[in-house]
């Protein structure tokens, strides 16, 4: 039981120490660029989906006329 508790505490401290580590400015820039890139990809997919839906709705309206 002591070993399990000791291992859990060691793991907790290792996580705490690693999360407090300061990132280099270049790492922060890379992370920011990745987030922006993912946001652009998501927006492009949403725009494409919206365009497809609009085209389908327009096609249905034209067929109904």
Protein backbone atom coordinates (compact mmCIF):
# COMPACT_ATOMS: atom_id res chain seq x y z
CA UNK A 1 0.00 0.00 0.00
CA UNK A 2 2.87 2.37 0.79
CA UNK A 3 4.47 1.69 -2.57
CA UNK A 4 1.25 2.48 -4.43
CA UNK A 5 0.80 5.70 -2.48
CA UNK A 6 4.44 6.65 -3.04
CA UNK A 7 4.16 6.02 -6.78
CA UNK A 8 0.96 8.06 -6.98
CA UNK A 9 2.59 10.97 -5.15
CA UNK A 10 5.66 10.76 -7.36
CA UNK A 11 3.48 10.81 -10.48
CA UNK A 12 1.51 13.77 -9.11
CA UNK A 13 4.66 15.77 -8.43
CA UNK A 14 6.10 14.90 -11.85
CA UNK A 15 2.93 16.16 -13.54
CA UNK A 16 2.86 19.29 -11.38
CA UNK A 17 6.47 20.13 -12.13
CA UNK A 18 6.16 19.51 -15.87
CA UNK A 19 3.00 21.63 -16.13
CA UNK A 20 4.77 24.55 -14.42
CA UNK A 21 7.58 24.50 -16.95
CA UNK A 22 7.76 27.73 -18.91
CA UNK A 23 7.58 27.39 -22.67
CA UNK A 24 10.08 29.10 -24.91
CA UNK A 25 8.72 31.94 -27.06
CA UNK A 26 9.27 29.86 -30.20
CA UNK A 27 7.18 27.03 -28.72
CA UNK A 28 4.42 29.50 -27.86
CA UNK A 29 4.47 30.82 -31.44
CA UNK A 30 4.32 27.28 -32.84
CA UNK A 31 1.36 26.42 -30.60
CA UNK A 32 -0.41 29.61 -31.63
CA UNK A 33 0.18 28.91 -35.31
CA UNK A 34 -1.20 25.38 -34.93
CA UNK A 35 -4.33 26.72 -33.21
CA UNK A 36 -4.86 29.34 -35.93
CA UNK A 37 -4.33 26.71 -38.64
CA UNK A 38 -6.87 24.39 -37.04
CA UNK A 39 -9.32 27.28 -36.76
CA UNK A 40 -8.90 28.12 -40.44
CA UNK A 41 -9.41 24.48 -41.43
CA UNK A 42 -12.58 24.28 -39.32
CA UNK A 43 -13.91 27.51 -40.81
CA UNK A 44 -13.20 26.30 -44.35
CA UNK A 45 -15.02 23.03 -43.69
CA UNK A 46 -18.00 24.90 -42.21
CA UNK A 47 -18.11 27.26 -45.18
CA UNK A 48 -17.97 24.33 -47.60
CA UNK A 49 -20.79 22.57 -45.78
CA UNK A 50 -22.85 25.74 -45.79
CA UNK A 51 -22.31 26.23 -49.53
CA UNK A 52 -23.36 22.65 -50.25
CA UNK A 53 -26.52 23.05 -48.18
CA UNK A 54 -27.37 26.31 -49.93
CA UNK A 55 -26.81 24.73 -53.35
CA UNK A 56 -29.07 21.79 -52.47
CA UNK A 57 -31.81 24.11 -51.16
CA UNK A 58 -31.60 26.27 -54.28
CA UNK A 59 -31.77 23.20 -56.51
CA UNK A 60 -34.89 21.98 -54.69
CA UNK A 61 -36.56 25.37 -55.03
CA UNK A 62 -35.80 25.50 -58.75
CA UNK A 63 -37.24 22.01 -59.22
CA UNK A 64 -40.42 23.00 -57.35
CA UNK A 65 -40.98 25.97 -59.68
